[in-house]
Amino acid sequence: MAVTESDAYRPDELAAADEPPTTQVRTKRLANTLSIVAGLGLLPLIMLTIADVTRRSATGKSVLGTVEIIEIGMVCVVFLAMMGAQVNERHIRTPLVTNRLPSRAAHVVRLVAALVSIGFLSWIVYETGQVAMASVEAREYRFGIVRVPIYPAKVFIPIGLAGFAFALVMEALSLVGKLRRGEEADKLAVESTL
């Protein structure tokens, strides 16, 4: 189904084959690609964990560097998946207040929250980018039983956060459009795990 100008930002809708992809569709594709890369990045970590547990059970000795490698790998996986989590609405949401507000007020509150988040994330992207560049230049390693490079993980942090911020920018633009068109606010599901 094509995303039209009157549609809300719905990243789950894909453009028809005969139409050029919209920015929302491209954002969804990028987010899904990063999420797939993050998911694939889990596979070697899982295999390393299995190998470590198997070796420890069989010989009483661990695979050297397992803890260090998994610590670094998890940073990469988590930050790469942040954009996908935002676009697919998997981050924690608290609609208890906005669901009770009139539509216009709900849109304004969500827009303000998105703008504050964008500002905060922009600052974090800048700071972590500086740290990542210094880490790459120094070829920083984590010292343990095995020397494991940590500079690749430090590069993934600003990349993942920038993707997250971009998804929030797209959401903010969508909210501005909803405000201009006077659209009703979506009532977000309140899920309970209790």
C-alpha atoms as a PDB file:
ATOM      1  CA  MET A   1       0.000   0.000   0.000  1.00  0.00           C
ATOM      2  CA  ALA A   2       1.363   3.411  -0.913  1.00  0.00           C
ATOM      3  CA  VAL A   3       1.941   6.088   1.686  1.00  0.00           C
ATOM      4  CA  THR A   4       0.073   9.197   0.594  1.00  0.00           C
ATOM      5  CA  GLU A   5       0.457  12.756   1.777  1.00  0.00           C
ATOM      6  CA  SER A   6      -2.642  12.461   3.961  1.00  0.00           C
ATOM      7  CA  ASP A   7      -1.388   9.319   5.694  1.00  0.00           C
ATOM      8  CA  ALA A   8       0.260   9.430   9.066  1.00  0.00           C
ATOM      9  CA  TYR A   9       3.832   8.254   9.361  1.00  0.00           C
ATOM     10  CA  ARG A  10       3.209   4.551   9.055  1.00  0.00           C
ATOM     11  CA  PRO A  11       6.532   2.868   8.360  1.00  0.00           C
ATOM     12  CA  ASP A  12       4.827  -0.519   8.007  1.00  0.00           C
ATOM     13  CA  GLU A  13       3.285   0.559   4.709  1.00  0.00           C
ATOM     14  CA  LEU A  14       5.420   0.044   1.648  1.00  0.00           C
ATOM     15  CA  ALA A  15       5.091   1.858  -1.657  1.00  0.00           C
ATOM     16  CA  ALA A  16       3.578   0.077  -4.605  1.00  0.00           C
ATOM     17  CA  ALA A  17       6.097  -1.276  -7.108  1.00  0.00           C
ATOM     18  CA  ASP A  18       5.169   1.345  -9.720  1.00  0.00           C
ATOM     19  CA  GLU A  19       5.653   4.305  -7.371  1.00  0.00           C
ATOM     20  CA  PRO A  20       8.974   5.734  -6.228  1.00  0.00           C
ATOM     21  CA  PRO A  21       9.557   5.041  -2.522  1.00  0.00           C
ATOM     22  CA  THR A  22       8.677   7.835  -0.136  1.00  0.00           C
ATOM     23  CA  THR A  23      10.969   9.101   2.588  1.00  0.00           C
ATOM     24  CA  GLN A  24       8.952   7.122   5.132  1.00  0.00           C
ATOM     25  CA  VAL A  25       9.400   3.936   3.132  1.00  0.00           C
ATOM     26  CA  ARG A  26      13.129   4.566   2.757  1.00  0.00           C
ATOM     27  CA  THR A  27      13.368   5.214   6.493  1.00  0.00           C
ATOM     28  CA  LYS A  28      11.558   1.944   7.208  1.00  0.00           C
ATOM     29  CA  ARG A  29      13.867   0.058   4.833  1.00  0.00           C
ATOM     30  CA  LEU A  30      16.993   1.555   6.409  1.00  0.00           C
ATOM     31  CA  ALA A  31      15.702   0.783   9.897  1.00  0.00           C
ATOM     32  CA  ASN A  32      14.867  -2.796   8.927  1.00  0.00           C
ATOM     33  CA  THR A  33      18.269  -3.234   7.281  1.00  0.00           C
ATOM     34  CA  LEU A  34      20.048  -2.052  10.422  1.00  0.00           C
ATOM     35  CA  SER A  35      17.854  -4.345  12.521  1.00  0.00           C
ATOM     36  CA  ILE A  36      18.684  -7.309  10.283  1.00  0.00           C
ATOM     37  CA  VAL A  37      22.404  -6.532  10.520  1.00  0.00           C
ATOM     38  CA  ALA A  38      22.030  -6.312  14.307  1.00  0.00           C
ATOM     39  CA  GLY A  39      20.179  -9.625  14.373  1.00  0.00           C
ATOM     40  CA  LEU A  40      22.824 -11.271  12.224  1.00  0.00           C
ATOM     41  CA  GLY A  41      25.447  -9.820  14.562  1.00  0.00           C
ATOM     42  CA  LEU A  42      23.882 -11.821  17.372  1.00  0.00           C
ATOM     43  CA  LEU A  43      24.622 -15.116  15.623  1.00  0.00           C
ATOM     44  CA  PRO A  44      28.391 -15.140  16.168  1.00  0.00           C
ATOM     45  CA  LEU A  45      27.847 -14.014  19.754  1.00  0.00           C
ATOM     46  CA  ILE A  46      25.437 -16.889  20.325  1.00  0.00           C
ATOM     47  CA  MET A  47      27.815 -19.370  18.696  1.00  0.00           C
ATOM     48  CA  LEU A  48      30.709 -18.070  20.798  1.00  0.00           C
ATOM     49  CA  THR A  49      28.606 -18.425  23.947  1.00  0.00           C
ATOM     50  CA  ILE A  50      27.642 -21.990  23.012  1.00  0.00           C
ATOM     51  CA  ALA A  51      31.268 -22.850  22.294  1.00  0.00           C
ATOM     52  CA  ASP A  52      32.346 -21.343  25.612  1.00  0.00           C
ATOM     53  CA  VAL A  53      29.700 -23.218  27.604  1.00  0.00           C
ATOM     54  CA  THR A  54      30.448 -26.474  25.778  1.00  0.00           C
ATOM     55  CA  ARG A  55      34.181 -26.174  26.318  1.00  0.00           C
ATOM     56  CA  ARG A  56      33.729 -25.176  29.942  1.00  0.00           C
ATOM     57  CA  SER A  57      31.458 -28.199  30.526  1.00  0.00           C
ATOM     58  CA  ALA A  58      33.825 -30.582  28.735  1.00  0.00           C
ATOM     59  CA  THR A  59      37.212 -29.343  29.939  1.00  0.00           C
ATOM     60  CA  GLY A  60      36.545 -26.872  32.736  1.00  0.00           C
ATOM     61  CA  LYS A  61      38.274 -24.160  30.688  1.00  0.00           C
ATOM     62  CA  SER A  62      36.669 -21.209  28.969  1.00  0.00           C
ATOM     63  CA  VAL A  63      37.237 -19.993  25.410  1.00  0.00           C
ATOM     64  CA  LEU A  64      39.676 -17.112  25.881  1.00  0.00           C
ATOM     65  CA  GLY A  65      38.225 -13.667  25.301  1.00  0.00           C
ATOM     66  CA  THR A  66      34.583 -14.754  25.240  1.00  0.00           C
ATOM     67  CA  VAL A  67      33.414 -12.239  27.832  1.00  0.00           C
ATOM     68  CA  GLU A  68      35.324  -9.375  26.246  1.00  0.00           C
ATOM     69  CA  ILE A  69      34.128 -10.147  22.714  1.00  0.00           C
ATOM     70  CA  ILE A  70      30.501 -10.538  23.766  1.00  0.00           C
ATOM     71  CA  GLU A  71      30.579  -7.276  25.736  1.00  0.00           C
ATOM     72  CA  ILE A  72      31.838  -5.392  22.692  1.00  0.00           C
ATOM     73  CA  GLY A  73      29.547  -7.236  20.268  1.00  0.00           C
ATOM     74  CA  MET A  74      26.433  -6.515  22.316  1.00  0.00           C
ATOM     75  CA  VAL A  75      27.132  -2.782  22.150  1.00  0.00           C
ATOM     76  CA  CYS A  76      27.164  -2.988  18.348  1.00  0.00           C
ATOM     77  CA  VAL A  77      23.970  -5.054  18.227  1.00  0.00           C
ATOM     78  CA  VAL A  78      21.999  -2.875  20.636  1.00  0.00           C
ATOM     79  CA  PHE A  79      22.866   0.463  19.051  1.00  0.00           C
ATOM     80  CA  LEU A  80      22.327  -0.742  15.467  1.00  0.00           C
ATOM     81  CA  ALA A  81      18.812  -1.866  16.391  1.00  0.00           C
ATOM     82  CA  MET A  82      17.721   1.449  17.948  1.00  0.00           C
ATOM     83  CA  MET A  83      16.376   3.001  14.738  1.00  0.00           C
ATOM     84  CA  GLY A  84      14.389  -0.113  13.926  1.00  0.00           C
ATOM     85  CA  ALA A  85      12.933  -0.178  17.427  1.00  0.00           C
ATOM     86  CA  GLN A  86      11.766   3.431  17.051  1.00  0.00           C
ATOM     87  CA  VAL A  87      10.352   3.052  13.545  1.00  0.00           C
ATOM     88  CA  ASN A  88       8.549  -0.172  14.475  1.00  0.00           C
ATOM     89  CA  GLU A  89       7.268   1.315  17.748  1.00  0.00           C
ATOM     90  CA  ARG A  90       9.138  -1.125  19.975  1.00  0.00           C
ATOM     91  CA  HIS A  91      10.597   1.433  22.386  1.00  0.00           C
ATOM     92  CA  ILE A  92       8.870   1.970  25.703  1.00  0.00           C
ATOM     93  CA  ARG A  93       5.874   4.252  25.291  1.00  0.00           C
ATOM     94  CA  THR A  94       3.713   5.781  27.994  1.00  0.00           C
ATOM     95  CA  PRO A  95       0.382   6.672  26.399  1.00  0.00           C
ATOM     96  CA  LEU A  96      -1.514   6.813  29.701  1.00  0.00           C
ATOM     97  CA  VAL A  97      -1.597  10.620  29.543  1.00  0.00           C
ATOM     98  CA  THR A  98      -1.689  11.311  25.800  1.00  0.00           C
ATOM     99  CA  ASN A  99      -4.514   8.820  25.204  1.00  0.00           C
ATOM    100  CA  ARG A 100      -6.690  10.905  27.530  1.00  0.00           C
ATOM    101  CA  LEU A 101      -5.871  14.255  25.920  1.00  0.00           C
ATOM    102  CA  PRO A 102      -7.782  15.854  23.060  1.00  0.00           C
ATOM    103  CA  SER A 103      -6.201  15.011  19.681  1.00  0.00           C
ATOM    104  CA  ARG A 104      -4.512  18.365  19.148  1.00  0.00           C
ATOM    105  CA  ALA A 105      -3.033  18.374  22.664  1.00  0.00           C
ATOM    106  CA  ALA A 106      -1.874  14.752  22.273  1.00  0.00           C
ATOM    107  CA  HIS A 107      -0.089  15.649  19.028  1.00  0.00           C
ATOM    108  CA  VAL A 108       1.552  18.683  20.659  1.00  0.00           C
ATOM    109  CA  VAL A 109       2.750  16.672  23.673  1.00  0.00           C
ATOM    110  CA  ARG A 110       4.141  13.925  21.428  1.00  0.00           C
ATOM    111  CA  LEU A 111       5.784  16.544  19.175  1.00  0.00           C
ATOM    112  CA  VAL A 112       7.435  18.295  22.123  1.00  0.00           C
ATOM    113  CA  ALA A 113       8.670  14.932  23.434  1.00  0.00           C
ATOM    114  CA  ALA A 114      10.078  14.082  19.994  1.00  0.00           C
ATOM    115  CA  LEU A 115      11.819  17.459  19.683  1.00  0.00           C
ATOM    116  CA  VAL A 116      13.363  17.220  23.154  1.00  0.00           C
ATOM    117  CA  SER A 117      14.526  13.688  22.341  1.00  0.00           C
ATOM    118  CA  ILE A 118      16.002  14.833  19.012  1.00  0.00           C
ATOM    119  CA  GLY A 119      17.929  17.617  20.739  1.00  0.00           C
ATOM    120  CA  PHE A 120      19.225  15.284  23.435  1.00  0.00           C
ATOM    121  CA  LEU A 121      20.163  12.571  20.924  1.00  0.00           C
ATOM    122  CA  SER A 122      21.893  15.111  18.675  1.00  0.00           C
ATOM    123  CA  TRP A 123      24.106  16.139  21.572  1.00  0.00           C
ATOM    124  CA  ILE A 124      24.826  12.483  22.433  1.00  0.00           C
ATOM    125  CA  VAL A 125      25.623  11.693  18.781  1.00  0.00           C
ATOM    126  CA  TYR A 126      28.097  14.576  18.695  1.00  0.00           C
ATOM    127  CA  GLU A 127      29.784  13.578  21.958  1.00  0.00           C
ATOM    128  CA  THR A 128      29.943   9.846  21.192  1.00  0.00           C
ATOM    129  CA  GLY A 129      31.178  10.684  17.690  1.00  0.00           C
ATOM    130  CA  GLN A 130      34.079  12.608  19.220  1.00  0.00           C
ATOM    131  CA  VAL A 131      34.862   9.699  21.538  1.00  0.00           C
ATOM    132  CA  ALA A 132      34.616   7.243  18.629  1.00  0.00           C
ATOM    133  CA  MET A 133      37.037   9.257  16.479  1.00  0.00           C
ATOM    134  CA  ALA A 134      39.551   9.461  19.328  1.00  0.00           C
ATOM    135  CA  SER A 135      39.159   5.726  19.950  1.00  0.00           C
ATOM    136  CA  VAL A 136      39.729   4.891  16.271  1.00  0.00           C
ATOM    137  CA  GLU A 137      42.798   7.125  16.124  1.00  0.00           C
ATOM    138  CA  ALA A 138      44.221   5.487  19.251  1.00  0.00           C
ATOM    139  CA  ARG A 139      43.210   1.983  18.130  1.00  0.00           C
ATOM    140  CA  GLU A 140      41.759   1.500  21.602  1.00  0.00           C
ATOM    141  CA  TYR A 141      41.697  -2.013  23.045  1.00  0.00           C
ATOM    142  CA  ARG A 142      39.994  -3.575  26.031  1.00  0.00           C
ATOM    143  CA  PHE A 143      42.548  -5.314  28.159  1.00  0.00           C
ATOM    144  CA  GLY A 144      41.634  -8.628  29.646  1.00  0.00           C
ATOM    145  CA  ILE A 145      42.798 -12.150  29.059  1.00  0.00           C
ATOM    146  CA  VAL A 146      42.727 -11.279  25.352  1.00  0.00           C
ATOM    147  CA  ARG A 147      43.181  -7.824  23.838  1.00  0.00           C
ATOM    148  CA  VAL A 148      39.918  -6.992  22.070  1.00  0.00           C
ATOM    149  CA  PRO A 149      39.549  -3.814  19.974  1.00  0.00           C
ATOM    150  CA  ILE A 150      36.756  -1.613  21.303  1.00  0.00           C
ATOM    151  CA  TYR A 151      36.972   1.160  18.731  1.00  0.00           C
ATOM    152  CA  PRO A 152      34.578  -0.597  16.307  1.00  0.00           C
ATOM    153  CA  ALA A 153      31.917  -0.703  19.023  1.00  0.00           C
ATOM    154  CA  LYS A 154      32.470   2.964  19.800  1.00  0.00           C
ATOM    155  CA  VAL A 155      31.802   3.758  16.127  1.00  0.00           C
ATOM    156  CA  PHE A 156      28.476   1.889  16.213  1.00  0.00           C
ATOM    157  CA  ILE A 157      27.193   4.001  19.117  1.00  0.00           C
ATOM    158  CA  PRO A 158      26.880   7.344  17.251  1.00  0.00           C
ATOM    159  CA  ILE A 159      25.707   5.551  14.097  1.00  0.00           C
ATOM    160  CA  GLY A 160      22.891   3.822  15.963  1.00  0.00           C
ATOM    161  CA  LEU A 161      21.939   6.954  17.874  1.00  0.00           C
ATOM    162  CA  ALA A 162      21.927   9.027  14.662  1.00  0.00           C
ATOM    163  CA  GLY A 163      19.528   6.516  13.102  1.00  0.00           C
ATOM    164  CA  PHE A 164      17.335   6.742  16.202  1.00  0.00           C
ATOM    165  CA  ALA A 165      17.370  10.559  15.998  1.00  0.00           C
ATOM    166  CA  PHE A 166      16.515  10.437  12.285  1.00  0.00           C
ATOM    167  CA  ALA A 167      13.514   8.206  13.025  1.00  0.00           C
ATOM    168  CA  LEU A 168      12.387  10.749  15.629  1.00  0.00           C
ATOM    169  CA  VAL A 169      12.756  13.559  13.073  1.00  0.00           C
ATOM    170  CA  MET A 170      10.482  11.624  10.715  1.00  0.00           C
ATOM    171  CA  GLU A 171       7.992  11.105  13.535  1.00  0.00           C
ATOM    172  CA  ALA A 172       8.102  14.825  14.424  1.00  0.00           C
ATOM    173  CA  LEU A 173       7.448  15.792  10.788  1.00  0.00           C
ATOM    174  CA  SER A 174       4.516  13.402  10.734  1.00  0.00           C
ATOM    175  CA  LEU A 175       3.108  14.953  13.911  1.00  0.00           C
ATOM    176  CA  VAL A 176       3.438  18.456  12.402  1.00  0.00           C
ATOM    177  CA  GLY A 177       1.489  17.211   9.373  1.00  0.00           C
ATOM    178  CA  LYS A 178      -1.206  15.735  11.604  1.00  0.00           C
ATOM    179  CA  LEU A 179      -1.496  19.017  13.488  1.00  0.00           C
ATOM    180  CA  ARG A 180      -1.831  20.990  10.237  1.00  0.00           C
ATOM    181  CA  ARG A 181      -4.460  18.616   8.874  1.00  0.00           C
ATOM    182  CA  GLY A 182      -6.323  18.428  12.197  1.00  0.00           C
ATOM    183  CA  GLU A 183      -6.155  14.634  12.264  1.00  0.00           C
ATOM    184  CA  GLU A 184      -7.336  12.606  15.204  1.00  0.00           C
ATOM    185  CA  ALA A 185      -4.573  11.312  17.460  1.00  0.00           C
ATOM    186  CA  ASP A 186      -3.972   7.589  17.439  1.00  0.00           C
ATOM    187  CA  LYS A 187      -4.814   5.936  20.724  1.00  0.00           C
ATOM    188  CA  LEU A 188      -1.706   3.947  21.509  1.00  0.00           C
ATOM    189  CA  ALA A 189      -2.203   0.536  23.020  1.00  0.00           C
ATOM    190  CA  VAL A 190      -1.459   0.262  26.709  1.00  0.00           C
ATOM    191  CA  GLU A 191       0.110  -3.140  27.166  1.00  0.00           C
ATOM    192  CA  SER A 192       0.639  -4.805  30.488  1.00  0.00           C
ATOM    193  CA  THR A 193       3.017  -7.633  31.200  1.00  0.00           C
ATOM    194  CA  LEU A 194       1.675  -8.321  34.662  1.00  0.00           C
END
